[in-house]
Amino acid sequence: MVLQITHEVKGFKQWKIAFDSQEGVRESAGIEVKGVFVSADNANLVTVLTKAPSVEVARAFTSNPDLKEVMQAAGVISAPEIKILIGQE
């Protein structure tokens, strides 16, 4: 399953440094980054696609209060839009 998180940041470079510093946290939670994207119209509108082993893991990760603090410190300036997507074949 895929977790899609989109939010606006003050500055992509600052955000990316903070994002990269959290790789160990994501790995220990079972979250694997599949891609980081910015909008063609706004380089500070970031979308992160990750793979999670289950809906429960994705929900636990996105509801962790520490994540909110990390995002604020990284310069996130909008409420994240979070989508949990389940693949269909």
PDB file of N, CA and C in Angstrom:
ATOM      1  N   MET A   1       0.820  -1.158   0.000  1.00  0.00           N
ATOM      2  CA  MET A   1       0.000   0.000   0.000  1.00  0.00           C
ATOM      3  C   MET A   1       0.872   1.231   0.000  1.00  0.00           C
ATOM      4  N   VAL A   2       0.327   2.336  -0.481  1.00  0.00           N
ATOM      5  CA  VAL A   2       1.077   3.571  -0.667  1.00  0.00           C
ATOM      6  C   VAL A   2       0.508   4.647   0.250  1.00  0.00           C
ATOM      7  N   LEU A   3       1.413   5.401   0.818  1.00  0.00           N
ATOM      8  CA  LEU A   3       1.056   6.549   1.639  1.00  0.00           C
ATOM      9  C   LEU A   3       1.508   7.784   0.879  1.00  0.00           C
ATOM     10  N   GLN A   4       0.592   8.712   0.640  1.00  0.00           N
ATOM     11  CA  GLN A   4       0.889   9.944  -0.088  1.00  0.00           C
ATOM     12  C   GLN A   4       0.668  11.117   0.856  1.00  0.00           C
ATOM     13  N   ILE A   5       1.722  11.918   1.056  1.00  0.00           N
ATOM     14  CA  ILE A   5       1.636  13.079   1.942  1.00  0.00           C
ATOM     15  C   ILE A   5       2.035  14.312   1.140  1.00  0.00           C
ATOM     16  N   THR A   6       1.154  15.314   1.124  1.00  0.00           N
ATOM     17  CA  THR A   6       1.420  16.562   0.407  1.00  0.00           C
ATOM     18  C   THR A   6       1.273  17.723   1.384  1.00  0.00           C
ATOM     19  N   HIS A   7       2.245  18.633   1.348  1.00  0.00           N
ATOM     20  CA  HIS A   7       2.184  19.827   2.186  1.00  0.00           C
ATOM     21  C   HIS A   7       3.080  20.903   1.598  1.00  0.00           C
ATOM     22  N   GLU A   8       2.817  22.144   2.004  1.00  0.00           N
ATOM     23  CA  GLU A   8       3.645  23.255   1.557  1.00  0.00           C
ATOM     24  C   GLU A   8       4.701  23.538   2.620  1.00  0.00           C
ATOM     25  N   VAL A   9       5.895  23.908   2.158  1.00  0.00           N
ATOM     26  CA  VAL A   9       7.011  24.183   3.054  1.00  0.00           C
ATOM     27  C   VAL A   9       7.543  25.592   2.808  1.00  0.00           C
ATOM     28  N   LYS A  10       8.248  26.138   3.804  1.00  0.00           N
ATOM     29  CA  LYS A  10       8.853  27.468   3.653  1.00  0.00           C
ATOM     30  C   LYS A  10       9.921  27.457   2.572  1.00  0.00           C
ATOM     31  N   GLY A  11      10.728  26.417   2.584  1.00  0.00           N
ATOM     32  CA  GLY A  11      11.801  26.292   1.603  1.00  0.00           C
ATOM     33  C   GLY A  11      12.158  24.831   1.417  1.00  0.00           C
ATOM     34  N   PHE A  12      12.181  24.384   0.164  1.00  0.00           N
ATOM     35  CA  PHE A  12      12.402  22.959  -0.103  1.00  0.00           C
ATOM     36  C   PHE A  12      13.741  22.480   0.436  1.00  0.00           C
ATOM     37  N   LYS A  13      14.817  23.233   0.241  1.00  0.00           N
ATOM     38  CA  LYS A  13      16.144  22.769   0.673  1.00  0.00           C
ATOM     39  C   LYS A  13      16.185  22.515   2.173  1.00  0.00           C
ATOM     40  N   GLN A  14      15.659  23.457   2.962  1.00  0.00           N
ATOM     41  CA  GLN A  14      15.620  23.287   4.419  1.00  0.00           C
ATOM     42  C   GLN A  14      14.783  22.062   4.779  1.00  0.00           C
ATOM     43  N   TRP A  15      13.627  21.939   4.139  1.00  0.00           N
ATOM     44  CA  TRP A  15      12.745  20.809   4.415  1.00  0.00           C
ATOM     45  C   TRP A  15      13.436  19.481   4.090  1.00  0.00           C
ATOM     46  N   LYS A  16      14.121  19.430   2.949  1.00  0.00           N
ATOM     47  CA  LYS A  16      14.750  18.173   2.494  1.00  0.00           C
ATOM     48  C   LYS A  16      15.836  17.720   3.459  1.00  0.00           C
ATOM     49  N   ILE A  17      16.595  18.656   4.003  1.00  0.00           N
ATOM     50  CA  ILE A  17      17.624  18.292   4.990  1.00  0.00           C
ATOM     51  C   ILE A  17      16.964  17.629   6.200  1.00  0.00           C
ATOM     52  N   ALA A  18      15.905  18.238   6.695  1.00  0.00           N
ATOM     53  CA  ALA A  18      15.191  17.673   7.842  1.00  0.00           C
ATOM     54  C   ALA A  18      14.560  16.325   7.485  1.00  0.00           C
ATOM     55  N   PHE A  19      13.971  16.237   6.303  1.00  0.00           N
ATOM     56  CA  PHE A  19      13.354  14.994   5.841  1.00  0.00           C
ATOM     57  C   PHE A  19      14.384  13.866   5.793  1.00  0.00           C
ATOM     58  N   ASP A  20      15.534  14.136   5.201  1.00  0.00           N
ATOM     59  CA  ASP A  20      16.581  13.122   5.090  1.00  0.00           C
ATOM     60  C   ASP A  20      17.086  12.675   6.456  1.00  0.00           C
ATOM     61  N   SER A  21      17.094  13.583   7.426  1.00  0.00           N
ATOM     62  CA  SER A  21      17.589  13.234   8.765  1.00  0.00           C
ATOM     63  C   SER A  21      16.669  12.248   9.478  1.00  0.00           C
ATOM     64  N   GLN A  22      15.463  12.072   8.979  1.00  0.00           N
ATOM     65  CA  GLN A  22      14.476  11.179   9.609  1.00  0.00           C
ATOM     66  C   GLN A  22      14.404   9.797   8.960  1.00  0.00           C
ATOM     67  N   GLU A  23      15.351   9.480   8.082  1.00  0.00           N
ATOM     68  CA  GLU A  23      15.298   8.196   7.387  1.00  0.00           C
ATOM     69  C   GLU A  23      15.263   7.009   8.348  1.00  0.00           C
ATOM     70  N   GLY A  24      16.068   7.054   9.397  1.00  0.00           N
ATOM     71  CA  GLY A  24      16.084   5.958  10.364  1.00  0.00           C
ATOM     72  C   GLY A  24      14.752   5.772  11.057  1.00  0.00           C
ATOM     73  N   VAL A  25      14.068   6.859  11.341  1.00  0.00           N
ATOM     74  CA  VAL A  25      12.752   6.798  11.976  1.00  0.00           C
ATOM     75  C   VAL A  25      11.758   6.107  11.046  1.00  0.00           C
ATOM     76  N   ARG A  26      11.805   6.508   9.762  1.00  0.00           N
ATOM     77  CA  ARG A  26      10.892   5.874   8.797  1.00  0.00           C
ATOM     78  C   ARG A  26      11.209   4.385   8.649  1.00  0.00           C
ATOM     79  N   GLU A  27      12.482   4.056   8.539  1.00  0.00           N
ATOM     80  CA  GLU A  27      12.865   2.648   8.383  1.00  0.00           C
ATOM     81  C   GLU A  27      12.408   1.814   9.574  1.00  0.00           C
ATOM     82  N   SER A  28      12.608   2.327  10.783  1.00  0.00           N
ATOM     83  CA  SER A  28      12.210   1.550  11.961  1.00  0.00           C
ATOM     84  C   SER A  28      10.693   1.392  12.054  1.00  0.00           C
ATOM     85  N   ALA A  29       9.958   2.305  11.417  1.00  0.00           N
ATOM     86  CA  ALA A  29       8.498   2.196  11.386  1.00  0.00           C
ATOM     87  C   ALA A  29       8.009   1.318  10.237  1.00  0.00           C
ATOM     88  N   GLY A  30       8.920   0.896   9.359  1.00  0.00           N
ATOM     89  CA  GLY A  30       8.529   0.059   8.222  1.00  0.00           C
ATOM     90  C   GLY A  30       8.078   0.862   7.010  1.00  0.00           C
ATOM     91  N   ILE A  31       8.419   2.159   6.973  1.00  0.00           N
ATOM     92  CA  ILE A  31       8.022   3.048   5.886  1.00  0.00           C
ATOM     93  C   ILE A  31       9.198   3.200   4.914  1.00  0.00           C
ATOM     94  N   GLU A  32       8.957   2.955   3.636  1.00  0.00           N
ATOM     95  CA  GLU A  32       9.986   3.049   2.598  1.00  0.00           C
ATOM     96  C   GLU A  32       9.621   4.165   1.614  1.00  0.00           C
ATOM     97  N   VAL A  33      10.504   5.147   1.481  1.00  0.00           N
ATOM     98  CA  VAL A  33      10.250   6.259   0.562  1.00  0.00           C
ATOM     99  C   VAL A  33      10.401   5.766  -0.874  1.00  0.00           C
ATOM    100  N   LYS A  34       9.390   6.057  -1.685  1.00  0.00           N
ATOM    101  CA  LYS A  34       9.417   5.689  -3.095  1.00  0.00           C
ATOM    102  C   LYS A  34       9.692   6.895  -3.984  1.00  0.00           C
ATOM    103  N   GLY A  35       9.431   8.110  -3.480  1.00  0.00           N
ATOM    104  CA  GLY A  35       9.703   9.303  -4.276  1.00  0.00           C
ATOM    105  C   GLY A  35       9.342  10.578  -3.540  1.00  0.00           C
ATOM    106  N   VAL A  36      10.090  11.639  -3.857  1.00  0.00           N
ATOM    107  CA  VAL A  36       9.824  12.975  -3.340  1.00  0.00           C
ATOM    108  C   VAL A  36       9.621  13.865  -4.558  1.00  0.00           C
ATOM    109  N   PHE A  37       8.526  14.610  -4.567  1.00  0.00           N
ATOM    110  CA  PHE A  37       8.162  15.419  -5.726  1.00  0.00           C
ATOM    111  C   PHE A  37       7.793  16.830  -5.289  1.00  0.00           C
ATOM    112  N   VAL A  38       7.980  17.779  -6.195  1.00  0.00           N
ATOM    113  CA  VAL A  38       7.478  19.140  -5.984  1.00  0.00           C
ATOM    114  C   VAL A  38       6.560  19.479  -7.147  1.00  0.00           C
ATOM    115  N   SER A  39       5.639  20.366  -6.887  1.00  0.00           N
ATOM    116  CA  SER A  39       4.702  20.806  -7.910  1.00  0.00           C
ATOM    117  C   SER A  39       5.431  21.571  -9.012  1.00  0.00           C
ATOM    118  N   ALA A  40       4.998  21.401 -10.236  1.00  0.00           N
ATOM    119  CA  ALA A  40       5.566  22.146 -11.365  1.00  0.00           C
ATOM    120  C   ALA A  40       5.268  23.636 -11.230  1.00  0.00           C
ATOM    121  N   ASP A  41       4.238  23.980 -10.464  1.00  0.00           N
ATOM    122  CA  ASP A  41       3.842  25.379 -10.294  1.00  0.00           C
ATOM    123  C   ASP A  41       4.321  26.004  -8.991  1.00  0.00           C
ATOM    124  N   ASN A  42       4.809  25.184  -8.063  1.00  0.00           N
ATOM    125  CA  ASN A  42       5.236  25.687  -6.757  1.00  0.00           C
ATOM    126  C   ASN A  42       6.289  24.740  -6.192  1.00  0.00           C
ATOM    127  N   ALA A  43       7.548  25.143  -6.246  1.00  0.00           N
ATOM    128  CA  ALA A  43       8.650  24.282  -5.803  1.00  0.00           C
ATOM    129  C   ALA A  43       8.636  24.032  -4.301  1.00  0.00           C
ATOM    130  N   ASN A  44       7.759  24.703  -3.569  1.00  0.00           N
ATOM    131  CA  ASN A  44       7.642  24.478  -2.131  1.00  0.00           C
ATOM    132  C   ASN A  44       6.397  23.662  -1.762  1.00  0.00           C
ATOM    133  N   LEU A  45       5.713  23.139  -2.767  1.00  0.00           N
ATOM    134  CA  LEU A  45       4.595  22.232  -2.531  1.00  0.00           C
ATOM    135  C   LEU A  45       5.114  20.818  -2.763  1.00  0.00           C
ATOM    136  N   VAL A  46       5.313  20.096  -1.671  1.00  0.00           N
ATOM    137  CA  VAL A  46       6.012  18.816  -1.696  1.00  0.00           C
ATOM    138  C   VAL A  46       5.030  17.662  -1.549  1.00  0.00           C
ATOM    139  N   THR A  47       5.248  16.609  -2.338  1.00  0.00           N
ATOM    140  CA  THR A  47       4.510  15.358  -2.183  1.00  0.00           C
ATOM    141  C   THR A  47       5.517  14.236  -1.979  1.00  0.00           C
ATOM    142  N   VAL A  48       5.288  13.438  -0.952  1.00  0.00           N
ATOM    143  CA  VAL A  48       6.135  12.286  -0.661  1.00  0.00           C
ATOM    144  C   VAL A  48       5.288  11.033  -0.828  1.00  0.00           C
ATOM    145  N   LEU A  49       5.799  10.092  -1.613  1.00  0.00           N
ATOM    146  CA  LEU A  49       5.147   8.797  -1.773  1.00  0.00           C
ATOM    147  C   LEU A  49       5.988   7.758  -1.040  1.00  0.00           C
ATOM    148  N   THR A  50       5.325   6.985  -0.202  1.00  0.00           N
ATOM    149  CA  THR A  50       6.022   5.933   0.533  1.00  0.00           C
ATOM    150  C   THR A  50       5.250   4.634   0.408  1.00  0.00           C
ATOM    151  N   LYS A  51       5.931   3.581   0.744  1.00  0.00           N
ATOM    152  CA  LYS A  51       5.310   2.263   0.787  1.00  0.00           C
ATOM    153  C   LYS A  51       5.281   1.837   2.250  1.00  0.00           C
ATOM    154  N   ALA A  52       4.149   1.322   2.682  1.00  0.00           N
ATOM    155  CA  ALA A  52       3.990   0.835   4.052  1.00  0.00           C
ATOM    156  C   ALA A  52       3.473  -0.602   3.996  1.00  0.00           C
ATOM    157  N   PRO A  53       3.832  -1.407   4.969  1.00  0.00           N
ATOM    158  CA  PRO A  53       3.405  -2.810   4.940  1.00  0.00           C
ATOM    159  C   PRO A  53       1.920  -3.018   5.224  1.00  0.00           C
ATOM    160  N   SER A  54       1.272  -2.020   5.860  1.00  0.00           N
ATOM    161  CA  SER A  54      -0.153  -2.180   6.173  1.00  0.00           C
ATOM    162  C   SER A  54      -0.772  -0.811   6.428  1.00  0.00           C
ATOM    163  N   VAL A  55      -2.088  -0.783   6.382  1.00  0.00           N
ATOM    164  CA  VAL A  55      -2.831   0.439   6.705  1.00  0.00           C
ATOM    165  C   VAL A  55      -2.559   0.833   8.152  1.00  0.00           C
ATOM    166  N   GLU A  56      -2.491  -0.150   9.037  1.00  0.00           N
ATOM    167  CA  GLU A  56      -2.251   0.126  10.449  1.00  0.00           C
ATOM    168  C   GLU A  56      -0.905   0.812  10.667  1.00  0.00           C
ATOM    169  N   VAL A  57       0.124   0.349   9.963  1.00  0.00           N
ATOM    170  CA  VAL A  57       1.454   0.969  10.076  1.00  0.00           C
ATOM    171  C   VAL A  57       1.401   2.404   9.560  1.00  0.00           C
ATOM    172  N   ALA A  58       0.748   2.608   8.429  1.00  0.00           N
ATOM    173  CA  ALA A  58       0.635   3.950   7.858  1.00  0.00           C
ATOM    174  C   ALA A  58      -0.101   4.889   8.808  1.00  0.00           C
ATOM    175  N   ARG A  59      -1.170   4.429   9.393  1.00  0.00           N
ATOM    176  CA  ARG A  59      -1.943   5.269  10.316  1.00  0.00           C
ATOM    177  C   ARG A  59      -1.154   5.565  11.589  1.00  0.00           C
ATOM    178  N   ALA A  60      -0.465   4.571  12.096  1.00  0.00           N
ATOM    179  CA  ALA A  60       0.346   4.785  13.298  1.00  0.00           C
ATOM    180  C   ALA A  60       1.454   5.796  13.021  1.00  0.00           C
ATOM    181  N   PHE A  61       2.080   5.681  11.872  1.00  0.00           N
ATOM    182  CA  PHE A  61       3.168   6.597  11.510  1.00  0.00           C
ATOM    183  C   PHE A  61       2.655   8.026  11.379  1.00  0.00           C
ATOM    184  N   THR A  62       1.559   8.212  10.665  1.00  0.00           N
ATOM    185  CA  THR A  62       1.066   9.569  10.416  1.00  0.00           C
ATOM    186  C   THR A  62       0.386  10.180  11.636  1.00  0.00           C
ATOM    187  N   SER A  63      -0.008   9.393  12.602  1.00  0.00           N
ATOM    188  CA  SER A  63      -0.644   9.941  13.802  1.00  0.00           C
ATOM    189  C   SER A  63       0.344  10.130  14.956  1.00  0.00           C
ATOM    190  N   ASN A  64       1.598   9.783  14.745  1.00  0.00           N
ATOM    191  CA  ASN A  64       2.616   9.943  15.779  1.00  0.00           C
ATOM    192  C   ASN A  64       2.820  11.426  16.080  1.00  0.00           C
ATOM    193  N   PRO A  65       2.651  11.854  17.332  1.00  0.00           N
ATOM    194  CA  PRO A  65       2.802  13.273  17.665  1.00  0.00           C
ATOM    195  C   PRO A  65       4.206  13.812  17.347  1.00  0.00           C
ATOM    196  N   ASP A  66       5.207  12.959  17.393  1.00  0.00           N
ATOM    197  CA  ASP A  66       6.573  13.390  17.067  1.00  0.00           C
ATOM    198  C   ASP A  66       6.678  13.839  15.615  1.00  0.00           C
ATOM    199  N   LEU A  67       5.901  13.233  14.730  1.00  0.00           N
ATOM    200  CA  LEU A  67       5.937  13.599  13.316  1.00  0.00           C
ATOM    201  C   LEU A  67       5.511  15.053  13.127  1.00  0.00           C
ATOM    202  N   LYS A  68       4.485  15.469  13.840  1.00  0.00           N
ATOM    203  CA  LYS A  68       4.013  16.846  13.735  1.00  0.00           C
ATOM    204  C   LYS A  68       5.117  17.822  14.149  1.00  0.00           C
ATOM    205  N   GLU A  69       5.809  17.522  15.227  1.00  0.00           N
ATOM    206  CA  GLU A  69       6.895  18.383  15.700  1.00  0.00           C
ATOM    207  C   GLU A  69       8.028  18.450  14.676  1.00  0.00           C
ATOM    208  N   VAL A  70       8.395  17.310  14.108  1.00  0.00           N
ATOM    209  CA  VAL A  70       9.463  17.259  13.106  1.00  0.00           C
ATOM    210  C   VAL A  70       9.066  18.068  11.878  1.00  0.00           C
ATOM    211  N   MET A  71       7.813  17.935  11.456  1.00  0.00           N
ATOM    212  CA  MET A  71       7.349  18.662  10.278  1.00  0.00           C
ATOM    213  C   MET A  71       7.371  20.175  10.520  1.00  0.00           C
ATOM    214  N   GLN A  72       6.959  20.604  11.686  1.00  0.00           N
ATOM    215  CA  GLN A  72       6.988  22.030  12.002  1.00  0.00           C
ATOM    216  C   GLN A  72       8.418  22.548  11.999  1.00  0.00           C
ATOM    217  N   ALA A  73       9.332  21.805  12.609  1.00  0.00           N
ATOM    218  CA  ALA A  73      10.736  22.210  12.656  1.00  0.00           C
ATOM    219  C   ALA A  73      11.349  22.245  11.257  1.00  0.00           C
ATOM    220  N   ALA A  74      10.835  21.414  10.348  1.00  0.00           N
ATOM    221  CA  ALA A  74      11.354  21.353   8.975  1.00  0.00           C
ATOM    222  C   ALA A  74      10.817  22.476   8.097  1.00  0.00           C
ATOM    223  N   GLY A  75       9.865  23.245   8.611  1.00  0.00           N
ATOM    224  CA  GLY A  75       9.332  24.362   7.838  1.00  0.00           C
ATOM    225  C   GLY A  75       8.042  24.078   7.104  1.00  0.00           C
ATOM    226  N   VAL A  76       7.318  23.041   7.502  1.00  0.00           N
ATOM    227  CA  VAL A  76       6.019  22.768   6.893  1.00  0.00           C
ATOM    228  C   VAL A  76       5.057  23.869   7.328  1.00  0.00           C
ATOM    229  N   ILE A  77       4.391  24.504   6.358  1.00  0.00           N
ATOM    230  CA  ILE A  77       3.532  25.642   6.668  1.00  0.00           C
ATOM    231  C   ILE A  77       2.049  25.388   6.364  1.00  0.00           C
ATOM    232  N   SER A  78       1.715  24.214   5.879  1.00  0.00           N
ATOM    233  CA  SER A  78       0.303  23.890   5.639  1.00  0.00           C
ATOM    234  C   SER A  78      -0.015  22.557   6.292  1.00  0.00           C
ATOM    235  N   ALA A  79      -1.287  22.362   6.556  1.00  0.00           N
ATOM    236  CA  ALA A  79      -1.705  21.058   7.070  1.00  0.00           C
ATOM    237  C   ALA A  79      -1.432  20.010   6.002  1.00  0.00           C
ATOM    238  N   PRO A  80      -0.849  18.885   6.388  1.00  0.00           N
ATOM    239  CA  PRO A  80      -0.578  17.864   5.383  1.00  0.00           C
ATOM    240  C   PRO A  80      -1.865  17.215   4.881  1.00  0.00           C
ATOM    241  N   GLU A  81      -1.880  16.940   3.591  1.00  0.00           N
ATOM    242  CA  GLU A  81      -2.958  16.139   3.000  1.00  0.00           C
ATOM    243  C   GLU A  81      -2.417  14.722   2.932  1.00  0.00           C
ATOM    244  N   ILE A  82      -3.038  13.819   3.661  1.00  0.00           N
ATOM    245  CA  ILE A  82      -2.545  12.453   3.767  1.00  0.00           C
ATOM    246  C   ILE A  82      -3.547  11.506   3.130  1.00  0.00           C
ATOM    247  N   LYS A  83      -3.042  10.686   2.221  1.00  0.00           N
ATOM    248  CA  LYS A  83      -3.881   9.673   1.578  1.00  0.00           C
ATOM    249  C   LYS A  83      -3.218   8.304   1.757  1.00  0.00           C
ATOM    250  N   ILE A  84      -3.996   7.353   2.185  1.00  0.00           N
ATOM    251  CA  ILE A  84      -3.549   5.969   2.269  1.00  0.00           C
ATOM    252  C   ILE A  84      -4.208   5.245   1.103  1.00  0.00           C
ATOM    253  N   LEU A  85      -3.392   4.759   0.191  1.00  0.00           N
ATOM    254  CA  LEU A  85      -3.897   4.170  -1.051  1.00  0.00           C
ATOM    255  C   LEU A  85      -3.589   2.682  -1.085  1.00  0.00           C
ATOM    256  N   ILE A  86      -4.589   1.900  -1.371  1.00  0.00           N
ATOM    257  CA  ILE A  86      -4.442   0.450  -1.449  1.00  0.00           C
ATOM    258  C   ILE A  86      -4.487   0.039  -2.910  1.00  0.00           C
ATOM    259  N   GLY A  87      -3.461  -0.649  -3.354  1.00  0.00           N
ATOM    260  CA  GLY A  87      -3.366  -1.070  -4.749  1.00  0.00           C
ATOM    261  C   GLY A  87      -4.432  -2.093  -5.105  1.00  0.00           C
ATOM    262  N   GLN A  88      -4.896  -2.003  -6.332  1.00  0.00           N
ATOM    263  CA  GLN A  88      -5.887  -2.929  -6.863  1.00  0.00           C
ATOM    264  C   GLN A  88      -5.338  -3.520  -8.159  1.00  0.00           C
ATOM    265  N   GLU A  89      -5.517  -4.780  -8.315  1.00  0.00           N
ATOM    266  CA  GLU A  89      -5.041  -5.429  -9.537  1.00  0.00           C
ATOM    267  C   GLU A  89      -6.171  -5.914 -10.381  1.00  0.00           C
TER     268      GLU A  89
END
